[in-house]
Amino acid sequence: MVSAELAAQLGGPASAEAFGALDPDDVLAAQTTVPQAIQADPDPQRWGASILRGGRGIMSLFPVIDGDVVPDVPQTAIADGSAAGMPLLIATTQEEYPCSWSPPVSPSW
């Protein structure tokens, strides 16, 4: 549903080949408008209940559990041991969603 909306904004079909042939800047501009449309009209019939639930209206593009590339819900798979023995890198991003969560904060140092 989201890919169909994105394809419609870009004027082409919703296929990997069509998306792959597009200019990345055009795709970025179009995908920026999709979360705005979801927030304006959070209709599960239009977007799909999993997009509204999983993306919380701000993330419209995220991995789909397909049984192959993403075989299960990541939290479930990890809890079941799929990541056992894998090194883990943890980091933060200072500018993650800076405009949508809270006003900017200036460091005190």
N, C-alpha and C. Protein backbone atom coordinates (compact mmCIF):
# COMPACT_ATOMS: atom_id res chain seq x y z
N MET A 1 0.80 -1.18 0.00
CA MET A 1 0.00 0.00 0.00
C MET A 1 0.86 1.26 0.00
N VAL A 2 1.89 1.26 0.84
CA VAL A 2 2.79 2.41 0.89
C VAL A 2 3.60 2.49 -0.41
N SER A 3 4.08 1.36 -0.89
CA SER A 3 4.86 1.39 -2.13
C SER A 3 4.00 1.84 -3.30
N ALA A 4 2.72 1.48 -3.31
CA ALA A 4 1.82 1.94 -4.37
C ALA A 4 1.65 3.45 -4.31
N GLU A 5 1.51 3.99 -3.11
CA GLU A 5 1.40 5.45 -2.95
C GLU A 5 2.68 6.14 -3.40
N LEU A 6 3.81 5.58 -3.02
CA LEU A 6 5.10 6.14 -3.42
C LEU A 6 5.26 6.09 -4.94
N ALA A 7 4.91 4.96 -5.54
CA ALA A 7 4.99 4.82 -7.00
C ALA A 7 4.07 5.82 -7.69
N ALA A 8 2.87 6.01 -7.16
CA ALA A 8 1.94 6.97 -7.76
C ALA A 8 2.52 8.38 -7.72
N GLN A 9 3.15 8.74 -6.63
CA GLN A 9 3.77 10.06 -6.53
C GLN A 9 4.92 10.22 -7.52
N LEU A 10 5.59 9.11 -7.81
CA LEU A 10 6.73 9.16 -8.73
C LEU A 10 6.32 8.91 -10.18
N GLY A 11 5.05 8.56 -10.39
CA GLY A 11 4.55 8.38 -11.74
C GLY A 11 4.94 7.08 -12.41
N GLY A 12 5.09 6.02 -11.65
CA GLY A 12 5.48 4.74 -12.24
C GLY A 12 4.88 3.58 -11.49
N PRO A 13 5.20 2.36 -11.91
CA PRO A 13 4.68 1.18 -11.22
C PRO A 13 5.44 0.91 -9.91
N ALA A 14 4.80 0.19 -9.02
CA ALA A 14 5.42 -0.18 -7.74
C ALA A 14 6.15 -1.50 -7.91
N SER A 15 7.32 -1.44 -8.54
CA SER A 15 8.14 -2.64 -8.73
C SER A 15 9.58 -2.31 -8.39
N ALA A 16 10.34 -3.34 -8.04
CA ALA A 16 11.75 -3.14 -7.72
C ALA A 16 12.50 -2.55 -8.91
N GLU A 17 12.16 -3.01 -10.11
CA GLU A 17 12.84 -2.51 -11.30
C GLU A 17 12.55 -1.03 -11.52
N ALA A 18 11.27 -0.64 -11.35
CA ALA A 18 10.90 0.77 -11.55
C ALA A 18 11.55 1.66 -10.50
N PHE A 19 11.50 1.24 -9.23
CA PHE A 19 12.13 2.04 -8.19
C PHE A 19 13.65 2.12 -8.40
N GLY A 20 14.25 1.02 -8.82
CA GLY A 20 15.69 1.00 -9.04
C GLY A 20 16.16 1.90 -10.16
N ALA A 21 15.28 2.20 -11.11
CA ALA A 21 15.64 3.04 -12.24
C ALA A 21 15.47 4.53 -11.95
N LEU A 22 14.90 4.87 -10.81
CA LEU A 22 14.63 6.26 -10.49
C LEU A 22 15.85 6.97 -9.91
N ASP A 23 15.85 8.28 -10.05
CA ASP A 23 16.88 9.10 -9.43
C ASP A 23 16.67 9.05 -7.91
N PRO A 24 17.70 8.74 -7.14
CA PRO A 24 17.54 8.64 -5.68
C PRO A 24 16.98 9.91 -5.04
N ASP A 25 17.32 11.07 -5.58
CA ASP A 25 16.80 12.32 -5.02
C ASP A 25 15.29 12.42 -5.21
N ASP A 26 14.78 11.92 -6.33
CA ASP A 26 13.34 11.92 -6.56
C ASP A 26 12.63 10.98 -5.59
N VAL A 27 13.23 9.82 -5.35
CA VAL A 27 12.65 8.86 -4.41
C VAL A 27 12.65 9.44 -3.00
N LEU A 28 13.74 10.06 -2.61
CA LEU A 28 13.83 10.66 -1.28
C LEU A 28 12.77 11.74 -1.10
N ALA A 29 12.61 12.59 -2.09
CA ALA A 29 11.60 13.65 -1.99
C ALA A 29 10.20 13.06 -1.87
N ALA A 30 9.90 12.04 -2.64
CA ALA A 30 8.57 11.43 -2.60
C ALA A 30 8.34 10.68 -1.29
N GLN A 31 9.34 9.96 -0.81
CA GLN A 31 9.13 9.19 0.41
C GLN A 31 9.01 10.08 1.63
N THR A 32 9.47 11.30 1.54
CA THR A 32 9.31 12.24 2.64
C THR A 32 7.85 12.66 2.80
N THR A 33 7.10 12.66 1.72
CA THR A 33 5.70 13.09 1.80
C THR A 33 4.77 12.00 2.30
N VAL A 34 5.17 10.74 2.21
CA VAL A 34 4.29 9.64 2.60
C VAL A 34 3.96 9.68 4.10
N PRO A 35 4.92 9.85 5.02
CA PRO A 35 4.55 9.92 6.44
C PRO A 35 3.59 11.07 6.73
N GLN A 36 3.75 12.17 6.01
CA GLN A 36 2.83 13.30 6.20
C GLN A 36 1.41 12.91 5.80
N ALA A 37 1.29 12.18 4.70
CA ALA A 37 -0.02 11.73 4.25
C ALA A 37 -0.62 10.73 5.23
N ILE A 38 0.21 9.87 5.81
CA ILE A 38 -0.27 8.90 6.80
C ILE A 38 -0.78 9.62 8.04
N GLN A 39 -0.05 10.62 8.49
CA GLN A 39 -0.48 11.37 9.67
C GLN A 39 -1.76 12.14 9.39
N ALA A 40 -1.91 12.66 8.19
CA ALA A 40 -3.10 13.42 7.84
C ALA A 40 -4.33 12.52 7.70
N ASP A 41 -4.12 11.28 7.26
CA ASP A 41 -5.23 10.35 7.03
C ASP A 41 -4.81 8.94 7.46
N PRO A 42 -4.80 8.67 8.78
CA PRO A 42 -4.35 7.36 9.26
C PRO A 42 -5.41 6.26 9.09
N ASP A 43 -5.75 6.01 7.85
CA ASP A 43 -6.79 5.04 7.53
C ASP A 43 -6.15 3.67 7.28
N PRO A 44 -6.46 2.66 8.12
CA PRO A 44 -5.85 1.35 7.93
C PRO A 44 -6.23 0.69 6.60
N GLN A 45 -7.36 1.05 6.02
CA GLN A 45 -7.73 0.52 4.71
C GLN A 45 -6.81 1.05 3.62
N ARG A 46 -6.36 2.28 3.79
CA ARG A 46 -5.48 2.90 2.79
C ARG A 46 -4.03 2.46 2.96
N TRP A 47 -3.57 2.42 4.21
CA TRP A 47 -2.14 2.20 4.46
C TRP A 47 -1.81 0.80 4.95
N GLY A 48 -2.75 0.13 5.56
CA GLY A 48 -2.49 -1.16 6.18
C GLY A 48 -2.30 -0.97 7.67
N ALA A 49 -2.95 -1.82 8.43
CA ALA A 49 -2.89 -1.71 9.89
C ALA A 49 -1.46 -1.86 10.42
N SER A 50 -0.66 -2.72 9.78
CA SER A 50 0.70 -2.94 10.28
C SER A 50 1.57 -1.70 10.12
N ILE A 51 1.33 -0.90 9.09
CA ILE A 51 2.09 0.34 8.91
C ILE A 51 1.73 1.32 10.01
N LEU A 52 0.45 1.44 10.31
CA LEU A 52 0.04 2.37 11.36
C LEU A 52 0.52 1.91 12.72
N ARG A 53 0.46 0.61 12.98
CA ARG A 53 0.88 0.07 14.27
C ARG A 53 2.40 0.06 14.39
N GLY A 54 3.07 -0.48 13.40
CA GLY A 54 4.52 -0.64 13.47
C GLY A 54 5.29 0.64 13.24
N GLY A 55 4.77 1.50 12.36
CA GLY A 55 5.49 2.73 12.05
C GLY A 55 5.03 3.92 12.85
N ARG A 56 3.94 3.73 13.58
CA ARG A 56 3.38 4.78 14.44
C ARG A 56 3.12 6.09 13.69
N GLY A 57 2.88 5.98 12.40
CA GLY A 57 2.55 7.16 11.61
C GLY A 57 3.72 8.01 11.18
N ILE A 58 4.93 7.66 11.60
CA ILE A 58 6.08 8.45 11.19
C ILE A 58 7.06 7.66 10.33
N MET A 59 7.03 6.35 10.47
CA MET A 59 7.88 5.49 9.65
C MET A 59 6.99 4.70 8.70
N SER A 60 7.06 5.05 7.45
CA SER A 60 6.20 4.37 6.49
C SER A 60 6.94 3.28 5.72
N LEU A 61 8.24 3.31 5.77
CA LEU A 61 9.04 2.33 5.04
C LEU A 61 9.94 1.61 6.04
N PHE A 62 9.70 0.32 6.19
CA PHE A 62 10.53 -0.49 7.07
C PHE A 62 10.45 -1.93 6.59
N PRO A 63 11.37 -2.78 7.05
CA PRO A 63 11.38 -4.16 6.56
C PRO A 63 10.06 -4.88 6.78
N VAL A 64 9.75 -5.74 5.86
CA VAL A 64 8.54 -6.55 5.93
C VAL A 64 8.94 -7.98 6.27
N ILE A 65 8.24 -8.58 7.20
CA ILE A 65 8.51 -9.97 7.56
C ILE A 65 8.01 -10.83 6.41
N ASP A 66 8.97 -11.36 5.65
CA ASP A 66 8.61 -12.11 4.43
C ASP A 66 8.92 -13.60 4.53
N GLY A 67 9.47 -14.02 5.66
CA GLY A 67 9.79 -15.43 5.83
C GLY A 67 11.11 -15.83 5.19
N ASP A 68 11.74 -14.90 4.46
CA ASP A 68 13.00 -15.21 3.78
C ASP A 68 14.09 -14.25 4.25
N VAL A 69 14.08 -13.03 3.76
CA VAL A 69 15.09 -12.05 4.16
C VAL A 69 14.89 -11.66 5.62
N VAL A 70 13.66 -11.39 5.99
CA VAL A 70 13.29 -11.11 7.38
C VAL A 70 12.32 -12.22 7.78
N PRO A 71 12.84 -13.29 8.39
CA PRO A 71 12.02 -14.47 8.64
C PRO A 71 11.02 -14.35 9.78
N ASP A 72 11.25 -13.42 10.71
CA ASP A 72 10.37 -13.30 11.86
C ASP A 72 10.48 -11.89 12.42
N VAL A 73 9.63 -11.53 13.35
CA VAL A 73 9.74 -10.25 14.04
C VAL A 73 11.13 -10.21 14.68
N PRO A 74 11.95 -9.19 14.40
CA PRO A 74 13.32 -9.19 14.92
C PRO A 74 13.43 -9.42 16.42
N GLN A 75 12.57 -8.78 17.22
CA GLN A 75 12.64 -8.98 18.66
C GLN A 75 12.38 -10.44 19.04
N THR A 76 11.45 -11.07 18.35
CA THR A 76 11.13 -12.47 18.62
C THR A 76 12.30 -13.37 18.22
N ALA A 77 12.83 -13.13 17.04
CA ALA A 77 13.95 -13.95 16.56
C ALA A 77 15.17 -13.83 17.47
N ILE A 78 15.46 -12.62 17.91
CA ILE A 78 16.60 -12.41 18.81
C ILE A 78 16.35 -13.10 20.15
N ALA A 79 15.13 -12.94 20.68
CA ALA A 79 14.79 -13.61 21.95
C ALA A 79 14.89 -15.12 21.82
N ASP A 80 14.64 -15.66 20.64
CA ASP A 80 14.74 -17.10 20.40
C ASP A 80 16.16 -17.56 20.10
N GLY A 81 17.13 -16.63 20.10
CA GLY A 81 18.53 -17.00 19.97
C GLY A 81 19.15 -16.82 18.60
N SER A 82 18.45 -16.19 17.65
CA SER A 82 19.01 -16.07 16.30
C SER A 82 20.28 -15.23 16.25
N ALA A 83 20.48 -14.38 17.22
CA ALA A 83 21.67 -13.52 17.22
C ALA A 83 22.73 -13.99 18.21
N ALA A 84 22.54 -15.16 18.77
CA ALA A 84 23.50 -15.67 19.75
C ALA A 84 24.89 -15.77 19.14
N GLY A 85 25.87 -15.25 19.84
CA GLY A 85 27.25 -15.31 19.39
C GLY A 85 27.64 -14.21 18.41
N MET A 86 26.73 -13.34 18.04
CA MET A 86 27.06 -12.25 17.13
C MET A 86 27.50 -11.04 17.92
N PRO A 87 28.57 -10.38 17.46
CA PRO A 87 28.99 -9.15 18.15
C PRO A 87 27.90 -8.08 17.99
N LEU A 88 27.82 -7.18 18.96
CA LEU A 88 26.79 -6.15 18.95
C LEU A 88 27.45 -4.79 19.04
N LEU A 89 27.06 -3.90 18.16
CA LEU A 89 27.54 -2.52 18.18
C LEU A 89 26.35 -1.64 18.53
N ILE A 90 26.48 -0.85 19.57
CA ILE A 90 25.41 0.03 20.01
C ILE A 90 25.88 1.46 19.86
N ALA A 91 25.00 2.31 19.34
CA ALA A 91 25.34 3.71 19.16
C ALA A 91 24.07 4.54 19.27
N THR A 92 24.23 5.84 19.28
CA THR A 92 23.09 6.75 19.28
C THR A 92 23.29 7.77 18.16
N THR A 93 22.20 8.40 17.82
CA THR A 93 22.24 9.44 16.80
C THR A 93 21.70 10.72 17.40
N GLN A 94 22.51 11.74 17.45
CA GLN A 94 22.10 12.99 18.06
C GLN A 94 20.94 13.65 17.31
N GLU A 95 20.91 13.52 16.01
CA GLU A 95 19.91 14.20 15.20
C GLU A 95 18.77 13.30 14.75
N GLU A 96 18.47 12.22 15.46
CA GLU A 96 17.39 11.32 15.10
C GLU A 96 16.05 12.01 15.32
N TYR A 97 15.29 12.22 14.27
CA TYR A 97 13.98 12.88 14.34
C TYR A 97 14.02 14.17 15.13
N PRO A 98 14.93 15.10 14.82
CA PRO A 98 15.06 16.30 15.65
C PRO A 98 13.84 17.21 15.64
N CYS A 99 13.10 17.25 14.57
CA CYS A 99 11.97 18.18 14.49
C CYS A 99 10.65 17.58 14.96
N SER A 100 10.57 16.29 15.07
CA SER A 100 9.28 15.70 15.34
C SER A 100 9.06 15.29 16.79
N TRP A 101 10.08 15.28 17.61
CA TRP A 101 9.90 14.82 18.99
C TRP A 101 9.95 15.93 20.02
N SER A 102 10.92 16.80 19.91
CA SER A 102 11.05 17.83 20.92
C SER A 102 11.82 19.02 20.35
N PRO A 103 11.73 20.17 21.01
CA PRO A 103 12.49 21.31 20.51
C PRO A 103 13.98 21.05 20.66
N PRO A 104 14.78 21.71 19.83
CA PRO A 104 16.24 21.51 19.93
C PRO A 104 16.75 21.92 21.31
N VAL A 105 17.75 21.20 21.74
CA VAL A 105 18.38 21.49 23.04
C VAL A 105 19.83 21.81 22.78
N SER A 106 20.29 22.93 23.34
CA SER A 106 21.69 23.30 23.18
C SER A 106 22.52 22.65 24.27
N PRO A 107 23.66 22.09 23.89
CA PRO A 107 24.52 21.50 24.92
C PRO A 107 24.98 22.57 25.91
N SER A 108 25.19 22.19 27.13
CA SER A 108 25.57 23.15 28.16
C SER A 108 27.08 23.35 28.28
N TRP A 109 27.86 22.59 27.52
CA TRP A 109 29.30 22.74 27.67
C TRP A 109 29.84 23.87 26.89
